[in-house]
Amino acid sequence: MAIIQKILNLVKRKDRFSALLSVRNTQIRNFNPLIIVAFLVLFSGLFLVVSNTIAKKINNILIIFRKLLKIMNFLILQVICYLNLTVPMKKLTM
């Protein structure tokens, strides 16, 4: 008997819960579209500012990386020239 009562109570709770979630009961009163437009403008502006700052930082990093590559290429060229000068040349045998 107790099990049947628990099941009935559970069914009653589900009915109350579904009544709370029904579409008819959930109505938005005094809906103001200006609030949504304001949020859209605010978040889109925030997104543009953040994306521009990220793009600028990436460009700065790329410029620094390109300078480092030029320096590294020059250093590699110096090492090759130094090695060619210090290592004795091999004689060609015919």
N, C-alpha and C. Protein backbone atom coordinates (compact mmCIF):
# COMPACT_ATOMS: atom_id res chain seq x y z
N MET A 1 0.82 -1.19 0.00
CA MET A 1 0.00 0.00 0.00
C MET A 1 0.86 1.26 0.00
N ALA A 2 1.95 1.22 0.72
CA ALA A 2 2.84 2.38 0.79
C ALA A 2 3.49 2.66 -0.57
N ILE A 3 3.79 1.61 -1.30
CA ILE A 3 4.41 1.78 -2.62
C ILE A 3 3.44 2.46 -3.57
N ILE A 4 2.19 2.09 -3.52
CA ILE A 4 1.18 2.69 -4.39
C ILE A 4 1.00 4.17 -4.05
N GLN A 5 1.02 4.50 -2.77
CA GLN A 5 0.89 5.90 -2.36
C GLN A 5 2.09 6.72 -2.84
N LYS A 6 3.28 6.15 -2.75
CA LYS A 6 4.46 6.86 -3.21
C LYS A 6 4.40 7.11 -4.72
N ILE A 7 3.91 6.12 -5.46
CA ILE A 7 3.77 6.29 -6.91
C ILE A 7 2.75 7.37 -7.23
N LEU A 8 1.61 7.36 -6.51
CA LEU A 8 0.59 8.40 -6.73
C LEU A 8 1.12 9.78 -6.39
N ASN A 9 1.86 9.88 -5.30
CA ASN A 9 2.45 11.18 -4.94
C ASN A 9 3.44 11.65 -6.01
N LEU A 10 4.20 10.70 -6.54
CA LEU A 10 5.15 11.05 -7.60
C LEU A 10 4.42 11.54 -8.85
N VAL A 11 3.33 10.89 -9.20
CA VAL A 11 2.55 11.31 -10.37
C VAL A 11 1.97 12.70 -10.14
N LYS A 12 1.47 12.96 -8.93
CA LYS A 12 0.93 14.29 -8.62
C LYS A 12 2.01 15.36 -8.72
N ARG A 13 3.20 15.04 -8.25
CA ARG A 13 4.31 16.01 -8.33
C ARG A 13 4.67 16.29 -9.77
N LYS A 14 4.69 15.25 -10.61
CA LYS A 14 5.00 15.45 -12.02
C LYS A 14 3.95 16.33 -12.69
N ASP A 15 2.69 16.14 -12.32
CA ASP A 15 1.63 16.98 -12.88
C ASP A 15 1.83 18.43 -12.48
N ARG A 16 2.18 18.66 -11.23
CA ARG A 16 2.41 20.03 -10.78
C ARG A 16 3.64 20.63 -11.47
N PHE A 17 4.66 19.82 -11.61
CA PHE A 17 5.88 20.30 -12.25
C PHE A 17 5.64 20.61 -13.72
N SER A 18 4.91 19.76 -14.41
CA SER A 18 4.62 20.02 -15.82
C SER A 18 3.69 21.21 -15.98
N ALA A 19 2.81 21.44 -15.00
CA ALA A 19 1.95 22.62 -15.06
C ALA A 19 2.76 23.90 -14.92
N LEU A 20 3.82 23.84 -14.13
CA LEU A 20 4.67 25.01 -13.99
C LEU A 20 5.45 25.31 -15.27
N LEU A 21 5.80 24.27 -16.00
CA LEU A 21 6.59 24.44 -17.21
C LEU A 21 5.76 24.61 -18.48
N SER A 22 4.46 24.55 -18.37
CA SER A 22 3.64 24.62 -19.58
C SER A 22 3.80 25.99 -20.24
N VAL A 23 3.60 26.01 -21.54
CA VAL A 23 3.81 27.22 -22.32
C VAL A 23 2.76 28.27 -21.98
N ARG A 24 1.59 27.86 -21.65
CA ARG A 24 0.51 28.80 -21.36
C ARG A 24 0.80 29.63 -20.11
N ASN A 25 1.46 29.02 -19.15
CA ASN A 25 1.71 29.73 -17.90
C ASN A 25 2.93 30.64 -17.96
N THR A 26 3.85 30.35 -18.87
CA THR A 26 5.06 31.17 -18.94
C THR A 26 4.87 32.24 -20.00
N GLN A 27 4.53 33.42 -19.57
CA GLN A 27 4.37 34.56 -20.45
C GLN A 27 5.29 35.67 -19.98
N ILE A 28 5.89 36.35 -20.93
CA ILE A 28 6.77 37.47 -20.60
C ILE A 28 5.93 38.74 -20.70
N ARG A 29 5.79 39.37 -19.57
CA ARG A 29 4.98 40.60 -19.55
C ARG A 29 5.90 41.80 -19.66
N ASN A 30 5.40 42.84 -20.29
CA ASN A 30 6.14 44.10 -20.49
C ASN A 30 7.49 43.83 -21.15
N PHE A 31 7.47 43.07 -22.22
CA PHE A 31 8.69 42.74 -22.94
C PHE A 31 9.22 43.97 -23.66
N ASN A 32 10.48 44.30 -23.41
CA ASN A 32 11.07 45.47 -24.02
C ASN A 32 12.20 45.04 -24.96
N PRO A 33 12.03 45.18 -26.28
CA PRO A 33 13.08 44.76 -27.21
C PRO A 33 14.32 45.64 -27.14
N LEU A 34 14.20 46.81 -26.53
CA LEU A 34 15.36 47.69 -26.39
C LEU A 34 16.45 47.04 -25.55
N ILE A 35 16.06 46.22 -24.60
CA ILE A 35 17.04 45.54 -23.74
C ILE A 35 17.87 44.56 -24.58
N ILE A 36 17.20 43.81 -25.44
CA ILE A 36 17.92 42.84 -26.28
C ILE A 36 18.84 43.56 -27.25
N VAL A 37 18.37 44.64 -27.84
CA VAL A 37 19.21 45.40 -28.77
C VAL A 37 20.42 45.97 -28.05
N ALA A 38 20.21 46.47 -26.83
CA ALA A 38 21.33 47.01 -26.06
C ALA A 38 22.36 45.93 -25.76
N PHE A 39 21.93 44.75 -25.36
CA PHE A 39 22.86 43.66 -25.10
C PHE A 39 23.60 43.25 -26.37
N LEU A 40 22.89 43.17 -27.49
CA LEU A 40 23.54 42.81 -28.74
C LEU A 40 24.61 43.83 -29.13
N VAL A 41 24.29 45.10 -29.00
CA VAL A 41 25.26 46.14 -29.33
C VAL A 41 26.45 46.08 -28.38
N LEU A 42 26.19 45.89 -27.11
CA LEU A 42 27.25 45.84 -26.11
C LEU A 42 28.19 44.66 -26.37
N PHE A 43 27.64 43.48 -26.57
CA PHE A 43 28.48 42.31 -26.76
C PHE A 43 29.17 42.32 -28.11
N SER A 44 28.53 42.84 -29.16
CA SER A 44 29.21 42.91 -30.45
C SER A 44 30.36 43.92 -30.39
N GLY A 45 30.15 45.04 -29.71
CA GLY A 45 31.24 46.01 -29.53
C GLY A 45 32.38 45.42 -28.74
N LEU A 46 32.07 44.71 -27.67
CA LEU A 46 33.09 44.06 -26.87
C LEU A 46 33.86 43.03 -27.69
N PHE A 47 33.15 42.27 -28.50
CA PHE A 47 33.79 41.27 -29.36
C PHE A 47 34.73 41.94 -30.36
N LEU A 48 34.32 43.04 -30.97
CA LEU A 48 35.17 43.73 -31.93
C LEU A 48 36.43 44.28 -31.27
N VAL A 49 36.29 44.85 -30.08
CA VAL A 49 37.45 45.40 -29.38
C VAL A 49 38.44 44.29 -29.03
N VAL A 50 37.93 43.20 -28.50
CA VAL A 50 38.80 42.09 -28.11
C VAL A 50 39.47 41.46 -29.33
N SER A 51 38.73 41.28 -30.41
CA SER A 51 39.32 40.66 -31.60
C SER A 51 40.38 41.57 -32.22
N ASN A 52 40.16 42.89 -32.19
CA ASN A 52 41.17 43.81 -32.73
C ASN A 52 42.43 43.80 -31.89
N THR A 53 42.30 43.77 -30.57
CA THR A 53 43.49 43.73 -29.72
C THR A 53 44.26 42.42 -29.92
N ILE A 54 43.55 41.33 -30.07
CA ILE A 54 44.22 40.05 -30.32
C ILE A 54 44.94 40.08 -31.66
N ALA A 55 44.30 40.65 -32.68
CA ALA A 55 44.93 40.74 -34.00
C ALA A 55 46.19 41.60 -33.95
N LYS A 56 46.15 42.71 -33.21
CA LYS A 56 47.34 43.56 -33.09
C LYS A 56 48.47 42.84 -32.38
N LYS A 57 48.14 42.10 -31.33
CA LYS A 57 49.18 41.36 -30.61
C LYS A 57 49.79 40.28 -31.49
N ILE A 58 48.96 39.62 -32.27
CA ILE A 58 49.47 38.59 -33.18
C ILE A 58 50.38 39.20 -34.23
N ASN A 59 50.01 40.38 -34.75
CA ASN A 59 50.85 41.05 -35.74
C ASN A 59 52.19 41.44 -35.13
N ASN A 60 52.18 41.94 -33.90
CA ASN A 60 53.44 42.29 -33.23
C ASN A 60 54.32 41.07 -33.04
N ILE A 61 53.72 39.97 -32.65
CA ILE A 61 54.48 38.73 -32.47
C ILE A 61 55.06 38.26 -33.79
N LEU A 62 54.30 38.37 -34.88
CA LEU A 62 54.80 37.96 -36.19
C LEU A 62 55.96 38.84 -36.65
N ILE A 63 55.87 40.15 -36.38
CA ILE A 63 56.96 41.05 -36.76
C ILE A 63 58.24 40.68 -36.00
N ILE A 64 58.11 40.42 -34.70
CA ILE A 64 59.27 40.03 -33.90
C ILE A 64 59.83 38.70 -34.39
N PHE A 65 58.95 37.77 -34.73
CA PHE A 65 59.39 36.45 -35.22
C PHE A 65 60.14 36.59 -36.54
N ARG A 66 59.65 37.45 -37.44
CA ARG A 66 60.34 37.66 -38.72
C ARG A 66 61.73 38.26 -38.50
N LYS A 67 61.84 39.22 -37.57
CA LYS A 67 63.15 39.79 -37.26
C LYS A 67 64.09 38.73 -36.72
N LEU A 68 63.58 37.87 -35.85
CA LEU A 68 64.42 36.80 -35.31
C LEU A 68 64.87 35.83 -36.41
N LEU A 69 63.97 35.54 -37.34
CA LEU A 69 64.36 34.66 -38.44
C LEU A 69 65.46 35.26 -39.29
N LYS A 70 65.38 36.58 -39.54
CA LYS A 70 66.45 37.23 -40.31
C LYS A 70 67.77 37.14 -39.56
N ILE A 71 67.74 37.39 -38.25
CA ILE A 71 68.96 37.32 -37.45
C ILE A 71 69.50 35.89 -37.44
N MET A 72 68.61 34.91 -37.28
CA MET A 72 69.05 33.52 -37.26
C MET A 72 69.64 33.10 -38.60
N ASN A 73 69.03 33.53 -39.71
CA ASN A 73 69.58 33.21 -41.02
C ASN A 73 70.96 33.81 -41.19
N PHE A 74 71.14 35.03 -40.74
CA PHE A 74 72.44 35.68 -40.82
C PHE A 74 73.46 34.95 -39.96
N LEU A 75 73.06 34.52 -38.76
CA LEU A 75 73.98 33.78 -37.89
C LEU A 75 74.36 32.43 -38.49
N ILE A 76 73.40 31.77 -39.10
CA ILE A 76 73.70 30.48 -39.75
C ILE A 76 74.68 30.70 -40.90
N LEU A 77 74.48 31.76 -41.66
CA LEU A 77 75.40 32.07 -42.76
C LEU A 77 76.80 32.35 -42.22
N GLN A 78 76.90 33.06 -41.10
CA GLN A 78 78.20 33.33 -40.49
C GLN A 78 78.88 32.04 -40.04
N VAL A 79 78.11 31.15 -39.45
CA VAL A 79 78.68 29.88 -38.99
C VAL A 79 79.19 29.07 -40.17
N ILE A 80 78.45 29.04 -41.26
CA ILE A 80 78.87 28.29 -42.44
C ILE A 80 80.15 28.88 -43.02
N CYS A 81 80.20 30.20 -43.09
CA CYS A 81 81.41 30.85 -43.62
C CYS A 81 82.60 30.58 -42.70
N TYR A 82 82.40 30.65 -41.42
CA TYR A 82 83.48 30.39 -40.46
C TYR A 82 83.98 28.96 -40.59
N LEU A 83 83.04 28.02 -40.71
CA LEU A 83 83.45 26.62 -40.84
C LEU A 83 84.21 26.39 -42.14
N ASN A 84 83.78 27.05 -43.20
CA ASN A 84 84.48 26.89 -44.48
C ASN A 84 85.88 27.46 -44.42
N LEU A 85 86.07 28.52 -43.65
CA LEU A 85 87.38 29.12 -43.55
C LEU A 85 88.29 28.33 -42.62
N THR A 86 87.75 27.76 -41.57
CA THR A 86 88.59 27.08 -40.59
C THR A 86 88.93 25.65 -40.99
N VAL A 87 88.05 24.98 -41.67
CA VAL A 87 88.31 23.60 -42.07
C VAL A 87 89.20 23.63 -43.31
N PRO A 88 90.31 22.89 -43.27
CA PRO A 88 91.18 22.91 -44.46
C PRO A 88 90.47 22.30 -45.66
N MET A 89 90.77 22.87 -46.78
CA MET A 89 90.15 22.40 -48.01
C MET A 89 90.74 21.06 -48.41
N LYS A 90 89.88 20.22 -48.91
CA LYS A 90 90.33 18.91 -49.38
C LYS A 90 90.89 19.04 -50.79
N LYS A 91 91.94 18.36 -50.99
CA LYS A 91 92.54 18.39 -52.32
C LYS A 91 91.80 17.43 -53.23
N LEU A 92 91.60 17.87 -54.42
CA LEU A 92 90.94 17.02 -55.41
C LEU A 92 91.98 16.09 -56.01
N THR A 93 91.68 14.84 -56.01
CA THR A 93 92.60 13.86 -56.60
C THR A 93 92.05 13.42 -57.95
N MET A 94 92.92 13.41 -58.90
CA MET A 94 92.48 13.00 -60.23
C MET A 94 93.15 11.74 -60.63
